[in-house]
């Protein structure tokens, strides 16, 4: 995210729910949820061009689901 002052910076551009972005809350980027998980390339690709680099997606939209090692294939 380029600037925490972007309008609606704390809302996910995909679902409009709180995005839990550390930078939007004035915290260091290293504290953001996105620095500690695997982001979905599909979710990132679905962002409108004008939204890229403006506001962050939320964990519900952005995290790749973790599958248990013994789970059957989907």
N, C-alpha and C. Protein backbone atom coordinates (compact mmCIF):
# COMPACT_ATOMS: atom_id res chain seq x y z
N UNK A 1 0.86 -1.17 0.00
CA UNK A 1 0.00 0.00 0.00
C UNK A 1 0.90 1.22 0.00
N UNK A 2 0.60 2.19 -0.83
CA UNK A 2 1.49 3.33 -0.97
C UNK A 2 1.27 4.42 0.05
N UNK A 3 0.05 4.63 0.49
CA UNK A 3 -0.21 5.74 1.40
C UNK A 3 -1.35 5.42 2.35
N UNK A 4 -1.14 5.55 3.65
CA UNK A 4 -2.23 5.28 4.58
C UNK A 4 -3.32 6.34 4.55
N UNK A 5 -3.13 7.46 3.83
CA UNK A 5 -4.12 8.51 3.77
C UNK A 5 -5.15 8.30 2.65
N UNK A 6 -5.02 7.23 1.88
CA UNK A 6 -5.95 6.96 0.80
C UNK A 6 -7.36 6.80 1.38
N UNK A 7 -8.37 7.43 0.75
CA UNK A 7 -9.74 7.24 1.24
C UNK A 7 -10.09 5.76 1.30
N UNK A 8 -10.75 5.37 2.34
CA UNK A 8 -11.16 3.98 2.56
C UNK A 8 -9.96 3.03 2.68
N UNK A 9 -8.81 3.55 3.10
CA UNK A 9 -7.59 2.73 3.19
C UNK A 9 -7.76 1.54 4.11
N UNK A 10 -8.68 1.59 5.04
CA UNK A 10 -8.85 0.49 5.99
C UNK A 10 -9.90 -0.53 5.53
N UNK A 11 -10.42 -0.39 4.30
CA UNK A 11 -11.41 -1.32 3.78
C UNK A 11 -10.85 -2.11 2.61
N UNK A 12 -11.16 -3.38 2.56
CA UNK A 12 -10.75 -4.24 1.46
C UNK A 12 -11.46 -3.82 0.17
N UNK A 13 -10.73 -3.65 -0.93
CA UNK A 13 -11.37 -3.26 -2.18
C UNK A 13 -12.18 -4.39 -2.82
N UNK A 14 -12.03 -5.61 -2.34
CA UNK A 14 -12.78 -6.74 -2.89
C UNK A 14 -14.10 -6.98 -2.17
N UNK A 15 -14.11 -6.85 -0.83
CA UNK A 15 -15.33 -7.16 -0.07
C UNK A 15 -15.82 -5.99 0.78
N UNK A 16 -15.07 -4.91 0.84
CA UNK A 16 -15.38 -3.70 1.61
C UNK A 16 -15.44 -3.92 3.12
N UNK A 17 -14.88 -5.02 3.59
CA UNK A 17 -14.76 -5.26 5.03
C UNK A 17 -13.44 -4.68 5.52
N UNK A 18 -13.25 -4.54 6.83
CA UNK A 18 -11.96 -4.04 7.33
C UNK A 18 -10.81 -4.93 6.83
N UNK A 19 -9.75 -4.29 6.33
CA UNK A 19 -8.65 -5.06 5.75
C UNK A 19 -7.53 -5.40 6.73
N UNK A 20 -7.62 -4.88 7.95
CA UNK A 20 -6.64 -5.16 9.00
C UNK A 20 -5.23 -4.75 8.59
N UNK A 21 -5.12 -3.73 7.75
CA UNK A 21 -3.82 -3.25 7.27
C UNK A 21 -3.11 -2.46 8.37
N UNK A 22 -1.90 -2.88 8.71
CA UNK A 22 -1.12 -2.18 9.74
C UNK A 22 -0.80 -0.75 9.30
N UNK A 23 -0.44 -0.57 8.04
CA UNK A 23 -0.07 0.77 7.56
C UNK A 23 -1.25 1.73 7.61
N UNK A 24 -2.45 1.23 7.32
CA UNK A 24 -3.65 2.07 7.39
C UNK A 24 -3.93 2.50 8.82
N UNK A 25 -3.41 1.73 9.78
CA UNK A 25 -3.58 2.05 11.20
C UNK A 25 -2.39 2.83 11.74
N UNK A 26 -1.46 3.20 10.86
CA UNK A 26 -0.30 3.97 11.29
C UNK A 26 0.80 3.14 11.91
N UNK A 27 0.76 1.83 11.70
CA UNK A 27 1.77 0.92 12.25
C UNK A 27 2.79 0.55 11.17
N UNK A 28 3.93 0.02 11.57
CA UNK A 28 4.93 -0.41 10.58
C UNK A 28 4.40 -1.54 9.70
N UNK A 29 4.81 -1.56 8.45
CA UNK A 29 4.38 -2.60 7.51
C UNK A 29 4.72 -3.99 8.02
N UNK A 30 5.82 -4.13 8.74
CA UNK A 30 6.23 -5.44 9.26
C UNK A 30 5.20 -6.05 10.20
N UNK A 31 4.30 -5.24 10.75
CA UNK A 31 3.27 -5.75 11.66
C UNK A 31 2.00 -6.17 10.93
N UNK A 32 1.95 -6.00 9.63
CA UNK A 32 0.74 -6.29 8.86
C UNK A 32 0.57 -7.80 8.67
N UNK A 33 -0.67 -8.25 8.65
CA UNK A 33 -0.99 -9.66 8.47
C UNK A 33 -0.39 -10.20 7.17
N UNK A 34 -0.31 -9.36 6.14
CA UNK A 34 0.14 -9.83 4.83
C UNK A 34 1.63 -10.18 4.80
N UNK A 35 2.35 -9.76 5.81
CA UNK A 35 3.78 -10.08 5.89
C UNK A 35 4.03 -11.46 6.50
N UNK A 36 2.95 -12.11 6.96
CA UNK A 36 3.11 -13.37 7.69
C UNK A 36 2.28 -14.51 7.10
N UNK A 37 1.91 -14.41 5.84
CA UNK A 37 1.12 -15.46 5.21
C UNK A 37 1.39 -15.49 3.73
N UNK A 38 0.79 -16.44 3.04
CA UNK A 38 0.92 -16.56 1.60
C UNK A 38 -0.29 -15.89 0.96
N UNK A 39 -0.02 -14.89 0.12
CA UNK A 39 -1.10 -14.15 -0.53
C UNK A 39 -1.58 -14.87 -1.78
N UNK A 40 -2.87 -14.80 -2.01
CA UNK A 40 -3.49 -15.40 -3.18
C UNK A 40 -3.19 -14.55 -4.41
N UNK A 41 -2.51 -15.15 -5.39
CA UNK A 41 -2.23 -14.41 -6.62
C UNK A 41 -3.52 -14.13 -7.38
N UNK A 42 -4.51 -15.01 -7.23
CA UNK A 42 -5.80 -14.78 -7.89
C UNK A 42 -6.50 -13.56 -7.31
N UNK A 43 -6.46 -13.42 -5.99
CA UNK A 43 -7.09 -12.26 -5.35
C UNK A 43 -6.39 -10.98 -5.78
N UNK A 44 -5.06 -10.99 -5.79
CA UNK A 44 -4.32 -9.80 -6.21
C UNK A 44 -4.61 -9.46 -7.66
N UNK A 45 -4.71 -10.47 -8.52
CA UNK A 45 -4.98 -10.24 -9.94
C UNK A 45 -6.39 -9.71 -10.17
N UNK A 46 -7.31 -9.99 -9.25
CA UNK A 46 -8.69 -9.54 -9.44
C UNK A 46 -8.90 -8.07 -9.07
N UNK A 47 -7.88 -7.44 -8.50
CA UNK A 47 -8.00 -6.02 -8.15
C UNK A 47 -8.08 -5.17 -9.41
N UNK A 48 -8.94 -4.17 -9.38
CA UNK A 48 -9.02 -3.21 -10.48
C UNK A 48 -7.69 -2.46 -10.56
N UNK A 49 -7.22 -2.13 -11.75
CA UNK A 49 -5.93 -1.43 -11.88
C UNK A 49 -5.81 -0.18 -11.01
N UNK A 50 -6.89 0.58 -10.88
CA UNK A 50 -6.84 1.81 -10.09
C UNK A 50 -6.75 1.54 -8.59
N UNK A 51 -7.01 0.31 -8.14
CA UNK A 51 -6.92 -0.05 -6.72
C UNK A 51 -5.54 -0.57 -6.34
N UNK A 52 -4.76 -1.00 -7.31
CA UNK A 52 -3.45 -1.59 -7.02
C UNK A 52 -2.53 -0.56 -6.40
N UNK A 53 -1.96 -0.92 -5.26
CA UNK A 53 -1.05 -0.03 -4.56
C UNK A 53 -1.74 1.08 -3.79
N UNK A 54 -3.07 1.06 -3.73
CA UNK A 54 -3.81 2.11 -3.06
C UNK A 54 -4.37 1.67 -1.71
N UNK A 55 -4.93 0.47 -1.66
CA UNK A 55 -5.43 -0.08 -0.41
C UNK A 55 -5.31 -1.59 -0.44
N UNK A 56 -5.22 -2.15 0.73
CA UNK A 56 -4.92 -3.58 0.87
C UNK A 56 -6.19 -4.43 0.91
N UNK A 57 -6.03 -5.67 0.47
CA UNK A 57 -7.12 -6.63 0.61
C UNK A 57 -7.08 -7.20 2.03
N UNK A 58 -8.17 -7.79 2.46
CA UNK A 58 -8.26 -8.33 3.82
C UNK A 58 -7.75 -9.78 3.85
N UNK A 59 -7.49 -10.31 5.04
CA UNK A 59 -7.03 -11.70 5.13
C UNK A 59 -8.03 -12.71 4.55
N UNK A 60 -9.32 -12.45 4.70
CA UNK A 60 -10.32 -13.39 4.17
C UNK A 60 -10.23 -13.50 2.66
N UNK A 61 -9.98 -12.39 1.99
CA UNK A 61 -9.87 -12.38 0.54
C UNK A 61 -8.46 -12.75 0.07
N UNK A 62 -7.46 -12.41 0.87
CA UNK A 62 -6.09 -12.48 0.39
C UNK A 62 -5.25 -13.68 0.76
N UNK A 63 -5.59 -14.38 1.84
CA UNK A 63 -4.75 -15.50 2.25
C UNK A 63 -5.10 -16.77 1.49
N UNK A 64 -4.07 -17.50 1.11
CA UNK A 64 -4.26 -18.81 0.50
C UNK A 64 -4.65 -19.76 1.62
N UNK A 65 -5.76 -20.49 1.47
CA UNK A 65 -6.18 -21.42 2.53
C UNK A 65 -5.11 -22.47 2.79
N UNK A 66 -4.87 -22.73 4.05
CA UNK A 66 -3.91 -23.76 4.44
C UNK A 66 -4.64 -25.09 4.53
N UNK A 67 -4.08 -26.11 3.90
CA UNK A 67 -4.68 -27.44 3.90
C UNK A 67 -3.85 -28.33 4.83
N UNK A 68 -4.53 -29.06 5.67
CA UNK A 68 -3.85 -29.99 6.57
C UNK A 68 -3.13 -31.06 5.74
N UNK A 69 -1.94 -31.48 6.15
CA UNK A 69 -1.17 -32.47 5.37
C UNK A 69 -1.91 -33.78 5.12
N UNK A 70 -2.80 -34.17 6.03
CA UNK A 70 -3.52 -35.43 5.86
C UNK A 70 -4.92 -35.25 5.26
N UNK A 71 -5.23 -34.05 4.80
CA UNK A 71 -6.54 -33.78 4.22
C UNK A 71 -6.60 -34.38 2.81
N UNK A 72 -7.76 -34.93 2.43
CA UNK A 72 -7.90 -35.46 1.07
C UNK A 72 -7.89 -34.33 0.06
N UNK A 73 -7.45 -34.58 -1.17
CA UNK A 73 -7.45 -33.53 -2.19
C UNK A 73 -8.86 -33.04 -2.48
N UNK A 74 -8.96 -31.78 -2.84
CA UNK A 74 -10.28 -31.19 -3.14
C UNK A 74 -10.71 -31.51 -4.53
